[in-house]
Structures are given as C-alpha cells and as structure tokens.
C-alpha cells in the first residue's frame, strides 16, 4: 500500500508541475523568429548529448575497472 501511495503522490506532483509550467507558458506571449527556435532546440539537444555521453563514459569506466584502486588496501593490518 505504501508503494502505491508513493507512486500516486509523485504522479500528482508531476501533474501539478506540468500544469504550472503550462500556465506560465500560456501567460507569456513572445514572438520568436525561427532561427531562435532552432538555437534553443540545438542547445537542448547538445546538452542532452553531452549528458548522455558523460553517463556512458561513467558506466564504461566502472564496468572495465578504471575506477578500482591501484592496489588493494588491507585495512586490518594498519
């Protein structure tokens, strides 16, 4: 029951945030030229590409042992 309550509350919070975002979007009227929309889309796409690339590098380095210590540290024999 607790799991369903948590999921329901998170979905309600998401719906509330999306509603607020839509209301703010509809309240502001700005006339932007097509090149400005292209710049926004390109910037967002490049940001996502950099984020995905960095996450892929992080998983790659963790899976191939690059994050392991150079030598085992024996903490019992200090």
C-alpha atoms as a PDB file:
ATOM      1  CA  UNK A   1       0.000   0.000   0.000  1.00  0.00           C
ATOM      2  CA  UNK A   2       2.854   2.371   0.803  1.00  0.00           C
ATOM      3  CA  UNK A   3       4.379   1.855  -2.624  1.00  0.00           C
ATOM      4  CA  UNK A   4       1.139   2.767  -4.377  1.00  0.00           C
ATOM      5  CA  UNK A   5       0.704   5.834  -2.200  1.00  0.00           C
ATOM      6  CA  UNK A   6       4.246   6.990  -3.032  1.00  0.00           C
ATOM      7  CA  UNK A   7       3.695   6.472  -6.774  1.00  0.00           C
ATOM      8  CA  UNK A   8       0.328   8.244  -6.646  1.00  0.00           C
ATOM      9  CA  UNK A   9       1.754  11.231  -4.780  1.00  0.00           C
ATOM     10  CA  UNK A  10       4.684  11.521  -7.200  1.00  0.00           C
ATOM     11  CA  UNK A  11       2.321  11.373 -10.185  1.00  0.00           C
ATOM     12  CA  UNK A  12       0.132  14.038  -8.580  1.00  0.00           C
ATOM     13  CA  UNK A  13       3.192  16.214  -8.026  1.00  0.00           C
ATOM     14  CA  UNK A  14       4.258  15.714 -11.661  1.00  0.00           C
ATOM     15  CA  UNK A  15       0.771  16.668 -12.880  1.00  0.00           C
ATOM     16  CA  UNK A  16       0.846  19.792 -10.700  1.00  0.00           C
ATOM     17  CA  UNK A  17       4.255  20.867 -12.019  1.00  0.00           C
ATOM     18  CA  UNK A  18       3.187  20.277 -15.630  1.00  0.00           C
ATOM     19  CA  UNK A  19       0.027  22.312 -15.043  1.00  0.00           C
ATOM     20  CA  UNK A  20       2.033  25.199 -13.570  1.00  0.00           C
ATOM     21  CA  UNK A  21       4.513  25.035 -16.462  1.00  0.00           C
ATOM     22  CA  UNK A  22       1.663  25.144 -18.995  1.00  0.00           C
ATOM     23  CA  UNK A  23       0.026  28.097 -17.250  1.00  0.00           C
ATOM     24  CA  UNK A  24       3.324  30.011 -17.248  1.00  0.00           C
ATOM     25  CA  UNK A  25       3.916  29.163 -20.914  1.00  0.00           C
ATOM     26  CA  UNK A  26       0.435  30.322 -21.936  1.00  0.00           C
ATOM     27  CA  UNK A  27       0.706  33.538 -19.909  1.00  0.00           C
ATOM     28  CA  UNK A  28       3.787  34.812 -21.740  1.00  0.00           C
ATOM     29  CA  UNK A  29       3.443  35.742 -25.396  1.00  0.00           C
ATOM     30  CA  UNK A  30       6.751  36.160 -27.198  1.00  0.00           C
ATOM     31  CA  UNK A  31       7.231  36.282 -30.934  1.00  0.00           C
ATOM     32  CA  UNK A  32      10.451  34.456 -31.722  1.00  0.00           C
ATOM     33  CA  UNK A  33      11.967  34.052 -35.186  1.00  0.00           C
ATOM     34  CA  UNK A  34      12.600  30.539 -36.494  1.00  0.00           C
ATOM     35  CA  UNK A  35      16.380  30.809 -36.006  1.00  0.00           C
ATOM     36  CA  UNK A  36      15.830  31.412 -32.285  1.00  0.00           C
ATOM     37  CA  UNK A  37      13.728  28.233 -32.001  1.00  0.00           C
ATOM     38  CA  UNK A  38      16.449  26.359 -33.884  1.00  0.00           C
ATOM     39  CA  UNK A  39      19.087  27.696 -31.459  1.00  0.00           C
ATOM     40  CA  UNK A  40      17.018  26.589 -28.450  1.00  0.00           C
ATOM     41  CA  UNK A  41      16.451  23.122 -29.905  1.00  0.00           C
ATOM     42  CA  UNK A  42      20.111  22.762 -30.899  1.00  0.00           C
ATOM     43  CA  UNK A  43      21.295  23.882 -27.462  1.00  0.00           C
ATOM     44  CA  UNK A  44      18.960  21.488 -25.689  1.00  0.00           C
ATOM     45  CA  UNK A  45      19.946  18.637 -27.977  1.00  0.00           C
ATOM     46  CA  UNK A  46      23.654  19.263 -27.464  1.00  0.00           C
ATOM     47  CA  UNK A  47      23.148  19.441 -23.698  1.00  0.00           C
ATOM     48  CA  UNK A  48      21.375  16.088 -23.749  1.00  0.00           C
ATOM     49  CA  UNK A  49      24.090  14.622 -25.965  1.00  0.00           C
ATOM     50  CA  UNK A  50      26.834  15.753 -23.574  1.00  0.00           C
ATOM     51  CA  UNK A  51      24.885  14.395 -20.582  1.00  0.00           C
ATOM     52  CA  UNK A  52      24.290  11.015 -22.229  1.00  0.00           C
ATOM     53  CA  UNK A  53      27.919  10.828 -23.321  1.00  0.00           C
ATOM     54  CA  UNK A  54      29.257  11.555 -19.843  1.00  0.00           C
ATOM     55  CA  UNK A  55      26.922   8.992 -18.284  1.00  0.00           C
ATOM     56  CA  UNK A  56      28.035   6.406 -20.864  1.00  0.00           C
ATOM     57  CA  UNK A  57      31.685   7.119 -20.051  1.00  0.00           C
ATOM     58  CA  UNK A  58      30.960   6.773 -16.343  1.00  0.00           C
ATOM     59  CA  UNK A  59      29.329   3.362 -16.804  1.00  0.00           C
ATOM     60  CA  UNK A  60      32.078   2.250 -19.188  1.00  0.00           C
ATOM     61  CA  UNK A  61      34.835   3.158 -16.730  1.00  0.00           C
ATOM     62  CA  UNK A  62      33.029   1.492 -13.837  1.00  0.00           C
ATOM     63  CA  UNK A  63      32.443  -1.744 -15.788  1.00  0.00           C
ATOM     64  CA  UNK A  64      36.003  -2.031 -17.095  1.00  0.00           C
ATOM     65  CA  UNK A  65      37.760  -1.484 -13.780  1.00  0.00           C
ATOM     66  CA  UNK A  66      39.081   2.024 -14.338  1.00  0.00           C
ATOM     67  CA  UNK A  67      37.545   3.125 -11.023  1.00  0.00           C
ATOM     68  CA  UNK A  68      39.258   0.406  -8.992  1.00  0.00           C
ATOM     69  CA  UNK A  69      42.120   1.375  -6.678  1.00  0.00           C
ATOM     70  CA  UNK A  70      45.645   0.878  -7.994  1.00  0.00           C
ATOM     71  CA  UNK A  71      46.372  -1.673  -5.285  1.00  0.00           C
ATOM     72  CA  UNK A  72      44.301  -3.428  -2.656  1.00  0.00           C
ATOM     73  CA  UNK A  73      44.337  -1.665   0.690  1.00  0.00           C
ATOM     74  CA  UNK A  74      44.369  -4.052   3.640  1.00  0.00           C
ATOM     75  CA  UNK A  75      42.657  -2.079   6.386  1.00  0.00           C
ATOM     76  CA  UNK A  76      43.057  -4.812   9.043  1.00  0.00           C
ATOM     77  CA  UNK A  77      46.892  -4.663   9.148  1.00  0.00           C
ATOM     78  CA  UNK A  78      47.386  -0.987   9.903  1.00  0.00           C
END
